[in-house]
Amino acid sequence: MTHPHDESPVNPLPPVVIALSVFLVGIELVFWVGSKGLIGGPEAAGWRIATIENWGFREPLFAWMVENGRFPLKDMARFFTYPFLHISFTHLLFVLVFLLALGKMVGEVFSTFAFLVVFFGSAIVGALVYWLVWDTGVVLFGGYPAVYGLIGAYTFILWAELGATGGNQLSAFRIIAFLLGIQLIFSLLFGAGLNWVSEVSGFVAGFGLSFLVSPGGWSRVVQRLRQR
């Protein structure tokens, strides 16, 4: 039996969330140290931009790959590397907030494997939709499509719980509705970028993948539908 005074007042973060956060911060620290000239010499000042160009998702490159039926492993890796690249520490900070907050709630319900499927699956779908919708040379990078996938997974958790308790399942979508509303305001004030397509599709992917990888998976959903 565990003594109450020995229990931590704060539930620890799931290991997968800690690992992803450390990796994200580590990459940012390398860019920061290089920009200050502490390592790498004069070339280090351009590490961030060069890495984004070399490892971000490039729509024209993938279009060429599809057209020619050639899929080099290095370039396919961009689907997995672009979520770890950010233009500034502030850019990364917002992604970290989502990862730590949503990652904790999703990681406490999903297995590590399921969590990674949602995280990277949403990033991949976000990039694919970016390629389908736009014809642009603007490189896609940053962790928003992946963490929007975590928002989708958390929405699924709320949706399933509300369905099990007879609540209004539409209320589970309040978070994404709020975020899309904020995004709409910013787009009206400052102009819409291209990344919103990958972020929204990342959310949809996260929600959809949760049907397959959540505890109980699709069978749980089918069981709920049969009870209606």
C-alpha atoms as a PDB file:
ATOM      1  CA  MET A   1       0.000   0.000   0.000  1.00  0.00           C
ATOM      2  CA  THR A   2       1.275   3.461  -0.913  1.00  0.00           C
ATOM      3  CA  HIS A   3       1.259   6.031   1.872  1.00  0.00           C
ATOM      4  CA  PRO A   4      -0.697   9.172   0.850  1.00  0.00           C
ATOM      5  CA  HIS A   5       2.202  11.421   1.834  1.00  0.00           C
ATOM      6  CA  ASP A   6       4.508   9.547  -0.557  1.00  0.00           C
ATOM      7  CA  GLU A   7       2.320  10.267  -3.590  1.00  0.00           C
ATOM      8  CA  SER A   8       3.262  13.121  -5.886  1.00  0.00           C
ATOM      9  CA  PRO A   9       0.698  15.941  -5.941  1.00  0.00           C
ATOM     10  CA  VAL A  10       1.279  16.280  -9.692  1.00  0.00           C
ATOM     11  CA  ASN A  11       0.826  13.379 -12.065  1.00  0.00           C
ATOM     12  CA  PRO A  12       4.020  12.873 -14.091  1.00  0.00           C
ATOM     13  CA  LEU A  13       4.007  13.372 -17.815  1.00  0.00           C
ATOM     14  CA  PRO A  14       3.913  10.228 -19.966  1.00  0.00           C
ATOM     15  CA  PRO A  15       7.455   9.237 -21.040  1.00  0.00           C
ATOM     16  CA  VAL A  16       6.621   9.642 -24.736  1.00  0.00           C
ATOM     17  CA  VAL A  17       5.610  13.266 -24.150  1.00  0.00           C
ATOM     18  CA  ILE A  18       8.818  13.942 -22.222  1.00  0.00           C
ATOM     19  CA  ALA A  19      10.922  12.328 -24.951  1.00  0.00           C
ATOM     20  CA  LEU A  20       9.315  14.345 -27.758  1.00  0.00           C
ATOM     21  CA  SER A  21       9.589  17.571 -25.737  1.00  0.00           C
ATOM     22  CA  VAL A  22      13.273  16.994 -24.968  1.00  0.00           C
ATOM     23  CA  PHE A  23      13.972  16.281 -28.633  1.00  0.00           C
ATOM     24  CA  LEU A  24      12.157  19.452 -29.738  1.00  0.00           C
ATOM     25  CA  VAL A  25      13.953  21.621 -27.193  1.00  0.00           C
ATOM     26  CA  GLY A  26      17.289  19.985 -27.991  1.00  0.00           C
ATOM     27  CA  ILE A  27      17.013  20.872 -31.671  1.00  0.00           C
ATOM     28  CA  GLU A  28      16.074  24.453 -30.788  1.00  0.00           C
ATOM     29  CA  LEU A  29      19.049  24.737 -28.414  1.00  0.00           C
ATOM     30  CA  VAL A  30      21.422  23.613 -31.161  1.00  0.00           C
ATOM     31  CA  PHE A  31      20.030  26.302 -33.479  1.00  0.00           C
ATOM     32  CA  TRP A  32      20.254  28.937 -30.720  1.00  0.00           C
ATOM     33  CA  VAL A  33      23.817  28.078 -29.726  1.00  0.00           C
ATOM     34  CA  GLY A  34      24.828  28.073 -33.375  1.00  0.00           C
ATOM     35  CA  SER A  35      23.212  31.470 -33.977  1.00  0.00           C
ATOM     36  CA  LYS A  36      25.271  32.895 -31.097  1.00  0.00           C
ATOM     37  CA  GLY A  37      28.480  31.641 -32.681  1.00  0.00           C
ATOM     38  CA  LEU A  38      29.280  29.341 -29.764  1.00  0.00           C
ATOM     39  CA  ILE A  39      29.600  26.275 -31.995  1.00  0.00           C
ATOM     40  CA  GLY A  40      29.943  25.545 -35.688  1.00  0.00           C
ATOM     41  CA  GLY A  41      31.676  28.739 -36.733  1.00  0.00           C
ATOM     42  CA  PRO A  42      30.154  31.355 -39.070  1.00  0.00           C
ATOM     43  CA  GLU A  43      28.139  28.734 -40.956  1.00  0.00           C
ATOM     44  CA  ALA A  44      26.156  27.873 -37.823  1.00  0.00           C
ATOM     45  CA  ALA A  45      24.186  31.110 -38.120  1.00  0.00           C
ATOM     46  CA  GLY A  46      22.379  29.595 -41.103  1.00  0.00           C
ATOM     47  CA  TRP A  47      21.768  26.162 -39.625  1.00  0.00           C
ATOM     48  CA  ARG A  48      18.095  26.783 -38.937  1.00  0.00           C
ATOM     49  CA  ILE A  49      17.186  27.893 -42.462  1.00  0.00           C
ATOM     50  CA  ALA A  50      19.373  25.222 -44.066  1.00  0.00           C
ATOM     51  CA  THR A  51      17.826  22.481 -41.929  1.00  0.00           C
ATOM     52  CA  ILE A  52      14.308  23.649 -42.752  1.00  0.00           C
ATOM     53  CA  GLU A  53      15.155  23.610 -46.443  1.00  0.00           C
ATOM     54  CA  ASN A  54      16.794  20.178 -46.242  1.00  0.00           C
ATOM     55  CA  TRP A  55      14.335  18.459 -43.893  1.00  0.00           C
ATOM     56  CA  GLY A  56      11.079  20.407 -44.149  1.00  0.00           C
ATOM     57  CA  PHE A  57       8.252  19.156 -46.354  1.00  0.00           C
ATOM     58  CA  ARG A  58       8.557  20.600 -49.869  1.00  0.00           C
ATOM     59  CA  GLU A  59       5.410  20.337 -51.939  1.00  0.00           C
ATOM     60  CA  PRO A  60       7.127  20.630 -55.372  1.00  0.00           C
ATOM     61  CA  LEU A  61       9.584  17.891 -54.407  1.00  0.00           C
ATOM     62  CA  PHE A  62       6.877  15.466 -53.364  1.00  0.00           C
ATOM     63  CA  ALA A  63       4.841  16.333 -56.472  1.00  0.00           C
ATOM     64  CA  TRP A  64       7.900  15.403 -58.542  1.00  0.00           C
ATOM     65  CA  MET A  65       8.269  12.158 -56.596  1.00  0.00           C
ATOM     66  CA  VAL A  66       4.645  11.186 -57.267  1.00  0.00           C
ATOM     67  CA  GLU A  67       4.858  12.172 -60.919  1.00  0.00           C
ATOM     68  CA  ASN A  68       7.999  10.109 -61.484  1.00  0.00           C
ATOM     69  CA  GLY A  69       7.180   7.250 -59.145  1.00  0.00           C
ATOM     70  CA  ARG A  70      10.438   7.709 -57.257  1.00  0.00           C
ATOM     71  CA  PHE A  71      10.449   7.987 -53.466  1.00  0.00           C
ATOM     72  CA  PRO A  72      13.989   8.377 -52.055  1.00  0.00           C
ATOM     73  CA  LEU A  73      14.153   7.424 -48.390  1.00  0.00           C
ATOM     74  CA  LYS A  74      15.861  10.698 -47.440  1.00  0.00           C
ATOM     75  CA  ASP A  75      13.076  12.768 -48.917  1.00  0.00           C
ATOM     76  CA  MET A  76      10.319  10.533 -47.546  1.00  0.00           C
ATOM     77  CA  ALA A  77      11.845  11.144 -44.119  1.00  0.00           C
ATOM     78  CA  ARG A  78      10.674  14.759 -44.414  1.00  0.00           C
ATOM     79  CA  PHE A  79       7.188  13.583 -43.377  1.00  0.00           C
ATOM     80  CA  PHE A  80       8.699  12.691 -39.983  1.00  0.00           C
ATOM     81  CA  THR A  81      11.292  15.452 -39.605  1.00  0.00           C
ATOM     82  CA  TYR A  82       9.340  18.605 -40.490  1.00  0.00           C
ATOM     83  CA  PRO A  83       7.315  18.650 -37.204  1.00  0.00           C
ATOM     84  CA  PHE A  84      10.565  19.116 -35.244  1.00  0.00           C
ATOM     85  CA  LEU A  85      11.688  22.259 -37.082  1.00  0.00           C
ATOM     86  CA  HIS A  86      10.616  25.762 -36.037  1.00  0.00           C
ATOM     87  CA  ILE A  87      11.465  29.257 -37.195  1.00  0.00           C
ATOM     88  CA  SER A  88      11.978  30.616 -33.667  1.00  0.00           C
ATOM     89  CA  PHE A  89      11.800  29.731 -29.990  1.00  0.00           C
ATOM     90  CA  THR A  90       8.377  31.430 -29.795  1.00  0.00           C
ATOM     91  CA  HIS A  91       7.112  29.204 -32.592  1.00  0.00           C
ATOM     92  CA  LEU A  92       8.362  26.166 -30.688  1.00  0.00           C
ATOM     93  CA  LEU A  93       6.946  27.422 -27.382  1.00  0.00           C
ATOM     94  CA  PHE A  94       3.355  27.370 -28.619  1.00  0.00           C
ATOM     95  CA  VAL A  95       3.836  23.857 -29.986  1.00  0.00           C
ATOM     96  CA  LEU A  96       5.285  22.751 -26.633  1.00  0.00           C
ATOM     97  CA  VAL A  97       2.282  24.140 -24.765  1.00  0.00           C
ATOM     98  CA  PHE A  98      -0.041  21.995 -26.872  1.00  0.00           C
ATOM     99  CA  LEU A  99       2.246  18.967 -26.640  1.00  0.00           C
ATOM    100  CA  LEU A 100       2.572  19.108 -22.851  1.00  0.00           C
ATOM    101  CA  ALA A 101      -1.085  19.862 -22.142  1.00  0.00           C
ATOM    102  CA  LEU A 102      -2.796  17.659 -24.714  1.00  0.00           C
ATOM    103  CA  GLY A 103      -0.019  15.083 -24.677  1.00  0.00           C
ATOM    104  CA  LYS A 104      -0.493  14.484 -20.966  1.00  0.00           C
ATOM    105  CA  MET A 105      -4.224  13.912 -21.304  1.00  0.00           C
ATOM    106  CA  VAL A 106      -3.937  11.731 -24.399  1.00  0.00           C
ATOM    107  CA  GLY A 107      -0.857   9.871 -23.167  1.00  0.00           C
ATOM    108  CA  GLU A 108      -2.608   8.857 -19.959  1.00  0.00           C
ATOM    109  CA  VAL A 109      -5.281   7.073 -22.012  1.00  0.00           C
ATOM    110  CA  PHE A 110      -3.430   5.898 -25.129  1.00  0.00           C
ATOM    111  CA  SER A 111      -0.492   3.519 -25.239  1.00  0.00           C
ATOM    112  CA  THR A 112       2.902   4.850 -26.318  1.00  0.00           C
ATOM    113  CA  PHE A 113       2.500   3.200 -29.719  1.00  0.00           C
ATOM    114  CA  ALA A 114      -0.998   4.677 -30.177  1.00  0.00           C
ATOM    115  CA  PHE A 115       0.273   8.113 -29.147  1.00  0.00           C
ATOM    116  CA  LEU A 116       3.070   8.004 -31.723  1.00  0.00           C
ATOM    117  CA  VAL A 117       0.667   6.789 -34.424  1.00  0.00           C
ATOM    118  CA  VAL A 118      -1.551   9.800 -33.771  1.00  0.00           C
ATOM    119  CA  PHE A 119       1.364  12.257 -33.562  1.00  0.00           C
ATOM    120  CA  PHE A 120       3.205  11.179 -36.707  1.00  0.00           C
ATOM    121  CA  GLY A 121       0.093  10.029 -38.557  1.00  0.00           C
ATOM    122  CA  SER A 122      -1.407  13.493 -38.195  1.00  0.00           C
ATOM    123  CA  ALA A 123       1.836  15.083 -39.375  1.00  0.00           C
ATOM    124  CA  ILE A 124       1.880  12.831 -42.450  1.00  0.00           C
ATOM    125  CA  VAL A 125      -1.761  13.506 -43.305  1.00  0.00           C
ATOM    126  CA  GLY A 126      -1.204  17.225 -42.771  1.00  0.00           C
ATOM    127  CA  ALA A 127       1.662  17.197 -45.261  1.00  0.00           C
ATOM    128  CA  LEU A 128      -0.276  15.138 -47.809  1.00  0.00           C
ATOM    129  CA  VAL A 129      -3.247  17.506 -47.698  1.00  0.00           C
ATOM    130  CA  TYR A 130      -0.834  20.453 -47.967  1.00  0.00           C
ATOM    131  CA  TRP A 131       0.487  18.835 -51.163  1.00  0.00           C
ATOM    132  CA  LEU A 132      -3.008  18.134 -52.511  1.00  0.00           C
ATOM    133  CA  VAL A 133      -4.410  21.610 -51.871  1.00  0.00           C
ATOM    134  CA  TRP A 134      -1.523  23.931 -52.655  1.00  0.00           C
ATOM    135  CA  ASP A 135       0.884  24.388 -55.522  1.00  0.00           C
ATOM    136  CA  THR A 136       3.573  26.296 -53.656  1.00  0.00           C
ATOM    137  CA  GLY A 137       7.268  26.494 -53.005  1.00  0.00           C
ATOM    138  CA  VAL A 138       6.665  27.468 -49.369  1.00  0.00           C
ATOM    139  CA  VAL A 139       8.197  24.787 -47.170  1.00  0.00           C
ATOM    140  CA  LEU A 140       5.944  23.189 -44.560  1.00  0.00           C
ATOM    141  CA  PHE A 141       7.561  22.909 -41.132  1.00  0.00           C
ATOM    142  CA  GLY A 142       6.628  23.058 -37.463  1.00  0.00           C
ATOM    143  CA  GLY A 143       4.777  20.816 -35.047  1.00  0.00           C
ATOM    144  CA  TYR A 144       1.274  22.256 -35.373  1.00  0.00           C
ATOM    145  CA  PRO A 145      -0.170  19.515 -37.633  1.00  0.00           C
ATOM    146  CA  ALA A 146       1.092  16.872 -35.183  1.00  0.00           C
ATOM    147  CA  VAL A 147      -0.202  18.586 -32.022  1.00  0.00           C
ATOM    148  CA  TYR A 148      -3.497  19.369 -33.736  1.00  0.00           C
ATOM    149  CA  GLY A 149      -3.674  15.603 -34.155  1.00  0.00           C
ATOM    150  CA  LEU A 150      -3.384  15.333 -30.365  1.00  0.00           C
ATOM    151  CA  ILE A 151      -6.261  17.797 -30.086  1.00  0.00           C
ATOM    152  CA  GLY A 152      -8.202  15.458 -32.361  1.00  0.00           C
ATOM    153  CA  ALA A 153      -7.332  12.492 -30.137  1.00  0.00           C
ATOM    154  CA  TYR A 154      -8.373  14.364 -26.994  1.00  0.00           C
ATOM    155  CA  THR A 155     -11.599  15.377 -28.723  1.00  0.00           C
ATOM    156  CA  PHE A 156     -12.194  11.702 -29.454  1.00  0.00           C
ATOM    157  CA  ILE A 157     -11.666  10.834 -25.779  1.00  0.00           C
ATOM    158  CA  LEU A 158     -14.209  13.472 -24.721  1.00  0.00           C
ATOM    159  CA  TRP A 159     -16.592  12.407 -27.494  1.00  0.00           C
ATOM    160  CA  ALA A 160     -16.427   8.764 -26.406  1.00  0.00           C
ATOM    161  CA  GLU A 161     -16.890   9.623 -22.725  1.00  0.00           C
ATOM    162  CA  LEU A 162     -19.864  11.873 -23.436  1.00  0.00           C
ATOM    163  CA  GLY A 163     -21.399   9.126 -25.577  1.00  0.00           C
ATOM    164  CA  ALA A 164     -20.944   6.604 -22.781  1.00  0.00           C
ATOM    165  CA  THR A 165     -22.572   8.890 -20.222  1.00  0.00           C
ATOM    166  CA  GLY A 166     -25.356  10.192 -22.473  1.00  0.00           C
ATOM    167  CA  GLY A 167     -23.908  13.692 -22.749  1.00  0.00           C
ATOM    168  CA  ASN A 168     -23.928  16.051 -25.701  1.00  0.00           C
ATOM    169  CA  GLN A 169     -21.088  14.741 -27.859  1.00  0.00           C
ATOM    170  CA  LEU A 170     -20.923  17.918 -29.948  1.00  0.00           C
ATOM    171  CA  SER A 171     -19.528  19.738 -26.908  1.00  0.00           C
ATOM    172  CA  ALA A 172     -16.345  17.691 -27.342  1.00  0.00           C
ATOM    173  CA  PHE A 173     -15.523  19.852 -30.368  1.00  0.00           C
ATOM    174  CA  ARG A 174     -15.416  23.119 -28.414  1.00  0.00           C
ATOM    175  CA  ILE A 175     -11.609  23.193 -28.301  1.00  0.00           C
ATOM    176  CA  ILE A 176     -11.124  22.929 -32.059  1.00  0.00           C
ATOM    177  CA  ALA A 177     -13.992  25.360 -32.678  1.00  0.00           C
ATOM    178  CA  PHE A 178     -12.301  27.888 -30.386  1.00  0.00           C
ATOM    179  CA  LEU A 179      -8.919  27.426 -32.067  1.00  0.00           C
ATOM    180  CA  LEU A 180     -10.399  27.751 -35.545  1.00  0.00           C
ATOM    181  CA  GLY A 181     -12.205  30.905 -34.432  1.00  0.00           C
ATOM    182  CA  ILE A 182      -8.937  32.414 -33.184  1.00  0.00           C
ATOM    183  CA  GLN A 183      -7.250  31.376 -36.413  1.00  0.00           C
ATOM    184  CA  LEU A 184      -9.995  33.031 -38.454  1.00  0.00           C
ATOM    185  CA  ILE A 185      -9.574  36.298 -36.545  1.00  0.00           C
ATOM    186  CA  PHE A 186      -5.821  36.287 -37.093  1.00  0.00           C
ATOM    187  CA  SER A 187      -6.254  35.504 -40.789  1.00  0.00           C
ATOM    188  CA  LEU A 188      -8.642  38.448 -41.177  1.00  0.00           C
ATOM    189  CA  LEU A 189      -6.265  40.774 -39.363  1.00  0.00           C
ATOM    190  CA  PHE A 190      -2.927  39.623 -40.728  1.00  0.00           C
ATOM    191  CA  GLY A 191      -3.772  37.480 -43.745  1.00  0.00           C
ATOM    192  CA  ALA A 192      -4.164  33.734 -43.965  1.00  0.00           C
ATOM    193  CA  GLY A 193      -1.085  31.576 -44.412  1.00  0.00           C
ATOM    194  CA  LEU A 194      -0.970  28.170 -46.044  1.00  0.00           C
ATOM    195  CA  ASN A 195      -0.391  26.022 -42.966  1.00  0.00           C
ATOM    196  CA  TRP A 196      -3.992  26.082 -41.739  1.00  0.00           C
ATOM    197  CA  VAL A 197      -4.822  23.327 -44.226  1.00  0.00           C
ATOM    198  CA  SER A 198      -2.292  20.963 -42.676  1.00  0.00           C
ATOM    199  CA  GLU A 199      -3.378  21.881 -39.145  1.00  0.00           C
ATOM    200  CA  VAL A 200      -7.084  21.236 -39.741  1.00  0.00           C
ATOM    201  CA  SER A 201      -6.331  17.996 -41.575  1.00  0.00           C
ATOM    202  CA  GLY A 202      -4.006  17.029 -38.710  1.00  0.00           C
ATOM    203  CA  PHE A 203      -6.932  17.411 -36.305  1.00  0.00           C
ATOM    204  CA  VAL A 204      -9.201  15.307 -38.522  1.00  0.00           C
ATOM    205  CA  ALA A 205      -6.474  12.655 -38.820  1.00  0.00           C
ATOM    206  CA  GLY A 206      -5.945  12.558 -35.058  1.00  0.00           C
ATOM    207  CA  PHE A 207      -9.651  12.145 -34.434  1.00  0.00           C
ATOM    208  CA  GLY A 208      -9.994   9.483 -37.118  1.00  0.00           C
ATOM    209  CA  LEU A 209      -6.904   7.502 -36.097  1.00  0.00           C
ATOM    210  CA  SER A 210      -8.204   7.367 -32.534  1.00  0.00           C
ATOM    211  CA  PHE A 211     -10.992   5.072 -33.725  1.00  0.00           C
ATOM    212  CA  LEU A 212      -8.279   2.538 -34.577  1.00  0.00           C
ATOM    213  CA  VAL A 213      -5.644   2.958 -31.854  1.00  0.00           C
ATOM    214  CA  SER A 214      -7.564   4.046 -28.743  1.00  0.00           C
ATOM    215  CA  PRO A 215      -8.206   1.503 -25.974  1.00  0.00           C
ATOM    216  CA  GLY A 216     -10.999  -0.695 -27.268  1.00  0.00           C
ATOM    217  CA  GLY A 217     -10.549   0.839 -30.710  1.00  0.00           C
ATOM    218  CA  TRP A 218     -13.177   0.443 -33.377  1.00  0.00           C
ATOM    219  CA  SER A 219     -14.929  -2.404 -31.552  1.00  0.00           C
ATOM    220  CA  ARG A 220     -15.818  -0.049 -28.716  1.00  0.00           C
ATOM    221  CA  VAL A 221     -17.347   2.422 -31.146  1.00  0.00           C
ATOM    222  CA  VAL A 222     -19.317  -0.304 -32.936  1.00  0.00           C
ATOM    223  CA  GLN A 223     -20.602  -1.569 -29.586  1.00  0.00           C
ATOM    224  CA  ARG A 224     -21.782   1.938 -28.691  1.00  0.00           C
ATOM    225  CA  LEU A 225     -23.571   2.299 -32.025  1.00  0.00           C
ATOM    226  CA  ARG A 226     -25.325  -1.043 -31.598  1.00  0.00           C
ATOM    227  CA  GLN A 227     -26.650   0.051 -28.212  1.00  0.00           C
ATOM    228  CA  ARG A 228     -28.519   2.970 -29.789  1.00  0.00           C
END
